[in-house]
Amino acid sequence: MKETHTAETRKSVKITLDEDHSRFGVYAYNPGEITIIRPNEEFNTQDSGFGNQTLTTETLVQSLIIMPHCLISDWAPRNFAQLEQQHFEVLFPKPPQILLLGTGVSHHWPAPQILSSLTNRGIAVEVMDTAAACRTYAILASDRRDVGAALLIE
């Protein structure tokens, strides 16, 4: 069987849209940038494509944490090498039940103390590359799960 796509040709990922735009979502991922959907309660009677709601997107070029109810668009670590335990303290006022950690273009395992600091607070952590974390976040958020995604841009 011949493989039709290689890792080099699948660099851009457009996420399937959820029609509920009352919460933060992920619209698309490209290495070095993530396009998010911002909550928007305004209706557009001219557009019937997405539940008559205006789609408000923003492309971010820095690492971020996204949850249905909030967005931290200037998360400090730019890449996996900069990731430290204290970077997750921004979650602790209202942590998600599930945290997806997108480690950039490649999958990397964080230090055990980073994972244990999250799991000791009752947060289930799933580690994957950022493209997979974007897709998984979109699915879990559309199911109204208590999910967050910490997405490293590089």
C-alpha atoms as a PDB file:
ATOM      1  CA  MET A   1       0.000   0.000   0.000  1.00  0.00           C
ATOM      2  CA  LYS A   2       1.412   3.365  -0.998  1.00  0.00           C
ATOM      3  CA  GLU A   3       1.428   6.147   1.606  1.00  0.00           C
ATOM      4  CA  THR A   4      -0.264   9.268   0.224  1.00  0.00           C
ATOM      5  CA  HIS A   5       0.929  11.813   2.810  1.00  0.00           C
ATOM      6  CA  THR A   6       4.244  12.235   4.527  1.00  0.00           C
ATOM      7  CA  ALA A   7       4.939  14.234   7.676  1.00  0.00           C
ATOM      8  CA  GLU A   8       6.540  16.917   5.492  1.00  0.00           C
ATOM      9  CA  THR A   9       3.388  17.448   3.411  1.00  0.00           C
ATOM     10  CA  ARG A  10       0.956  17.591   6.341  1.00  0.00           C
ATOM     11  CA  LYS A  11       2.129  20.759   8.035  1.00  0.00           C
ATOM     12  CA  SER A  12      -1.142  22.678   8.133  1.00  0.00           C
ATOM     13  CA  VAL A  13      -4.236  21.472   9.981  1.00  0.00           C
ATOM     14  CA  LYS A  14      -7.647  23.071   9.659  1.00  0.00           C
ATOM     15  CA  ILE A  15      -9.881  22.025  12.531  1.00  0.00           C
ATOM     16  CA  THR A  16     -13.526  21.043  11.978  1.00  0.00           C
ATOM     17  CA  LEU A  17     -15.707  23.869  13.203  1.00  0.00           C
ATOM     18  CA  ASP A  18     -18.121  23.622  16.083  1.00  0.00           C
ATOM     19  CA  GLU A  19     -21.173  25.787  15.484  1.00  0.00           C
ATOM     20  CA  ASP A  20     -21.237  27.119  19.062  1.00  0.00           C
ATOM     21  CA  HIS A  21     -19.100  30.254  19.069  1.00  0.00           C
ATOM     22  CA  SER A  22     -19.903  31.252  22.649  1.00  0.00           C
ATOM     23  CA  ARG A  23     -16.568  29.866  23.882  1.00  0.00           C
ATOM     24  CA  PHE A  24     -12.927  29.829  22.836  1.00  0.00           C
ATOM     25  CA  GLY A  25     -11.987  27.287  20.191  1.00  0.00           C
ATOM     26  CA  VAL A  26      -9.208  26.318  17.819  1.00  0.00           C
ATOM     27  CA  TYR A  27      -9.832  27.071  14.149  1.00  0.00           C
ATOM     28  CA  ALA A  28      -6.524  26.053  12.549  1.00  0.00           C
ATOM     29  CA  TYR A  29      -2.918  25.164  13.257  1.00  0.00           C
ATOM     30  CA  ASN A  30       0.204  25.787  11.215  1.00  0.00           C
ATOM     31  CA  PRO A  31       3.715  25.376  12.614  1.00  0.00           C
ATOM     32  CA  GLY A  32       4.492  28.719  14.225  1.00  0.00           C
ATOM     33  CA  GLU A  33       0.875  29.900  14.460  1.00  0.00           C
ATOM     34  CA  ILE A  34      -2.497  28.927  15.880  1.00  0.00           C
ATOM     35  CA  THR A  35      -5.769  30.496  14.774  1.00  0.00           C
ATOM     36  CA  ILE A  36      -8.308  30.612  17.581  1.00  0.00           C
ATOM     37  CA  ILE A  37     -12.032  31.356  17.613  1.00  0.00           C
ATOM     38  CA  ARG A  38     -13.044  34.073  20.047  1.00  0.00           C
ATOM     39  CA  PRO A  39     -16.468  33.957  21.710  1.00  0.00           C
ATOM     40  CA  ASN A  40     -18.981  36.000  19.780  1.00  0.00           C
ATOM     41  CA  GLU A  41     -22.641  36.384  20.714  1.00  0.00           C
ATOM     42  CA  GLU A  42     -23.521  38.655  17.769  1.00  0.00           C
ATOM     43  CA  PHE A  43     -25.741  37.259  15.049  1.00  0.00           C
ATOM     44  CA  ASN A  44     -25.224  37.879  11.358  1.00  0.00           C
ATOM     45  CA  THR A  45     -28.455  37.346   9.454  1.00  0.00           C
ATOM     46  CA  GLN A  46     -26.561  37.362   6.136  1.00  0.00           C
ATOM     47  CA  ASP A  47     -24.492  34.289   7.027  1.00  0.00           C
ATOM     48  CA  SER A  48     -26.248  30.977   7.486  1.00  0.00           C
ATOM     49  CA  GLY A  49     -23.059  28.888   7.355  1.00  0.00           C
ATOM     50  CA  PHE A  50     -22.305  28.730  11.069  1.00  0.00           C
ATOM     51  CA  GLY A  51     -25.589  28.972  12.918  1.00  0.00           C
ATOM     52  CA  ASN A  52     -26.061  32.607  11.798  1.00  0.00           C
ATOM     53  CA  GLN A  53     -23.201  33.706  14.039  1.00  0.00           C
ATOM     54  CA  THR A  54     -20.278  35.854  13.033  1.00  0.00           C
ATOM     55  CA  LEU A  55     -17.037  33.912  13.294  1.00  0.00           C
ATOM     56  CA  THR A  56     -14.336  35.907  15.067  1.00  0.00           C
ATOM     57  CA  THR A  57     -10.850  34.462  14.627  1.00  0.00           C
ATOM     58  CA  GLU A  58      -7.384  35.611  15.594  1.00  0.00           C
ATOM     59  CA  THR A  59      -4.043  34.140  14.558  1.00  0.00           C
ATOM     60  CA  LEU A  60      -1.529  33.949  17.376  1.00  0.00           C
ATOM     61  CA  VAL A  61       2.202  33.416  16.910  1.00  0.00           C
ATOM     62  CA  GLN A  62       3.111  32.781  20.544  1.00  0.00           C
ATOM     63  CA  SER A  63       2.447  29.899  22.899  1.00  0.00           C
ATOM     64  CA  LEU A  64      -0.947  29.950  24.592  1.00  0.00           C
ATOM     65  CA  ILE A  65      -3.310  28.246  26.976  1.00  0.00           C
ATOM     66  CA  ILE A  66      -6.878  27.882  25.796  1.00  0.00           C
ATOM     67  CA  MET A  67      -9.942  26.733  27.719  1.00  0.00           C
ATOM     68  CA  PRO A  68     -13.576  27.164  26.712  1.00  0.00           C
ATOM     69  CA  HIS A  69     -13.995  30.023  29.223  1.00  0.00           C
ATOM     70  CA  CYS A  70     -10.614  31.783  28.882  1.00  0.00           C
ATOM     71  CA  LEU A  71      -7.538  32.373  26.764  1.00  0.00           C
ATOM     72  CA  ILE A  72      -4.027  33.117  27.971  1.00  0.00           C
ATOM     73  CA  SER A  73      -2.563  34.388  24.727  1.00  0.00           C
ATOM     74  CA  ASP A  74       0.896  35.278  26.008  1.00  0.00           C
ATOM     75  CA  TRP A  75       1.957  32.083  27.789  1.00  0.00           C
ATOM     76  CA  ALA A  76       5.635  32.461  28.657  1.00  0.00           C
ATOM     77  CA  PRO A  77       7.376  29.384  27.217  1.00  0.00           C
ATOM     78  CA  ARG A  78       8.003  29.703  23.502  1.00  0.00           C
ATOM     79  CA  ASN A  79       9.281  26.158  23.014  1.00  0.00           C
ATOM     80  CA  PHE A  80       9.682  22.877  24.869  1.00  0.00           C
ATOM     81  CA  ALA A  81      13.197  23.672  26.106  1.00  0.00           C
ATOM     82  CA  GLN A  82      11.828  26.701  28.001  1.00  0.00           C
ATOM     83  CA  LEU A  83       8.982  24.794  29.688  1.00  0.00           C
ATOM     84  CA  GLU A  84       9.119  24.874  33.496  1.00  0.00           C
ATOM     85  CA  GLN A  85       6.814  23.868  36.333  1.00  0.00           C
ATOM     86  CA  GLN A  86       5.902  27.465  37.277  1.00  0.00           C
ATOM     87  CA  HIS A  87       4.476  28.097  33.784  1.00  0.00           C
ATOM     88  CA  PHE A  88       1.398  26.089  34.802  1.00  0.00           C
ATOM     89  CA  GLU A  89       0.591  28.174  37.894  1.00  0.00           C
ATOM     90  CA  VAL A  90      -1.731  30.341  35.766  1.00  0.00           C
ATOM     91  CA  LEU A  91      -4.098  27.336  35.667  1.00  0.00           C
ATOM     92  CA  PHE A  92      -4.510  26.910  39.395  1.00  0.00           C
ATOM     93  CA  PRO A  93      -7.233  29.478  40.122  1.00  0.00           C
ATOM     94  CA  LYS A  94      -9.620  27.432  37.930  1.00  0.00           C
ATOM     95  CA  PRO A  95      -7.854  24.350  36.512  1.00  0.00           C
ATOM     96  CA  PRO A  96      -9.441  22.113  33.881  1.00  0.00           C
ATOM     97  CA  GLN A  97     -10.069  18.431  34.572  1.00  0.00           C
ATOM     98  CA  ILE A  98      -8.071  17.526  31.461  1.00  0.00           C
ATOM     99  CA  LEU A  99      -5.027  19.405  30.211  1.00  0.00           C
ATOM    100  CA  LEU A 100      -3.646  18.707  26.754  1.00  0.00           C
ATOM    101  CA  LEU A 101       0.008  19.664  26.490  1.00  0.00           C
ATOM    102  CA  GLY A 102       1.046  20.388  22.911  1.00  0.00           C
ATOM    103  CA  THR A 103       4.838  20.180  22.872  1.00  0.00           C
ATOM    104  CA  GLY A 104       5.447  21.824  19.481  1.00  0.00           C
ATOM    105  CA  VAL A 105       6.018  20.201  16.104  1.00  0.00           C
ATOM    106  CA  SER A 106       7.392  17.050  17.775  1.00  0.00           C
ATOM    107  CA  HIS A 107       6.196  15.023  20.739  1.00  0.00           C
ATOM    108  CA  HIS A 108       8.357  15.402  23.871  1.00  0.00           C
ATOM    109  CA  TRP A 109       7.835  14.186  27.441  1.00  0.00           C
ATOM    110  CA  PRO A 110       8.100  16.928  30.077  1.00  0.00           C
ATOM    111  CA  ALA A 111      10.056  16.460  33.287  1.00  0.00           C
ATOM    112  CA  PRO A 112       8.318  14.205  35.842  1.00  0.00           C
ATOM    113  CA  GLN A 113       8.018  17.065  38.371  1.00  0.00           C
ATOM    114  CA  ILE A 114       6.005  19.092  35.844  1.00  0.00           C
ATOM    115  CA  LEU A 115       3.535  16.251  35.331  1.00  0.00           C
ATOM    116  CA  SER A 116       3.309  15.421  39.037  1.00  0.00           C
ATOM    117  CA  SER A 117       2.627  19.066  39.960  1.00  0.00           C
ATOM    118  CA  LEU A 118      -0.441  18.913  37.705  1.00  0.00           C
ATOM    119  CA  THR A 119      -1.672  15.428  38.542  1.00  0.00           C
ATOM    120  CA  ASN A 120      -1.304  16.107  42.287  1.00  0.00           C
ATOM    121  CA  ARG A 121      -3.892  18.859  41.792  1.00  0.00           C
ATOM    122  CA  GLY A 122      -6.305  16.429  40.124  1.00  0.00           C
ATOM    123  CA  ILE A 123      -5.560  17.495  36.545  1.00  0.00           C
ATOM    124  CA  ALA A 124      -5.336  14.671  34.011  1.00  0.00           C
ATOM    125  CA  VAL A 125      -2.538  15.464  31.551  1.00  0.00           C
ATOM    126  CA  GLU A 126      -2.207  14.179  28.001  1.00  0.00           C
ATOM    127  CA  VAL A 127       1.031  14.981  26.157  1.00  0.00           C
ATOM    128  CA  MET A 128       1.143  15.168  22.345  1.00  0.00           C
ATOM    129  CA  ASP A 129       2.456  17.354  19.560  1.00  0.00           C
ATOM    130  CA  THR A 130       0.693  20.704  19.151  1.00  0.00           C
ATOM    131  CA  ALA A 131      -1.265  19.745  16.017  1.00  0.00           C
ATOM    132  CA  ALA A 132      -2.747  16.708  17.801  1.00  0.00           C
ATOM    133  CA  ALA A 133      -3.478  18.811  20.898  1.00  0.00           C
ATOM    134  CA  CYS A 134      -5.382  21.350  18.760  1.00  0.00           C
ATOM    135  CA  ARG A 135      -7.511  18.613  17.172  1.00  0.00           C
ATOM    136  CA  THR A 136      -8.156  16.871  20.503  1.00  0.00           C
ATOM    137  CA  TYR A 137      -9.068  20.162  22.190  1.00  0.00           C
ATOM    138  CA  ALA A 138     -11.611  20.921  19.438  1.00  0.00           C
ATOM    139  CA  ILE A 139     -13.287  17.531  19.915  1.00  0.00           C
ATOM    140  CA  LEU A 140     -13.353  17.584  23.728  1.00  0.00           C
ATOM    141  CA  ALA A 141     -14.478  21.221  23.933  1.00  0.00           C
ATOM    142  CA  SER A 142     -17.316  20.558  21.461  1.00  0.00           C
ATOM    143  CA  ASP A 143     -18.441  17.743  23.796  1.00  0.00           C
ATOM    144  CA  ARG A 144     -18.546  20.336  26.610  1.00  0.00           C
ATOM    145  CA  ARG A 145     -15.725  18.612  28.505  1.00  0.00           C
ATOM    146  CA  ASP A 146     -13.758  20.555  31.126  1.00  0.00           C
ATOM    147  CA  VAL A 147     -10.619  20.727  29.003  1.00  0.00           C
ATOM    148  CA  GLY A 148      -7.692  23.046  28.518  1.00  0.00           C
ATOM    149  CA  ALA A 149      -4.800  23.024  26.084  1.00  0.00           C
ATOM    150  CA  ALA A 150      -1.337  24.401  26.791  1.00  0.00           C
ATOM    151  CA  LEU A 151       0.064  24.843  23.291  1.00  0.00           C
ATOM    152  CA  LEU A 152       3.734  25.477  22.608  1.00  0.00           C
ATOM    153  CA  ILE A 153       4.184  27.327  19.353  1.00  0.00           C
ATOM    154  CA  GLU A 154       7.617  25.879  18.447  1.00  0.00           C
END
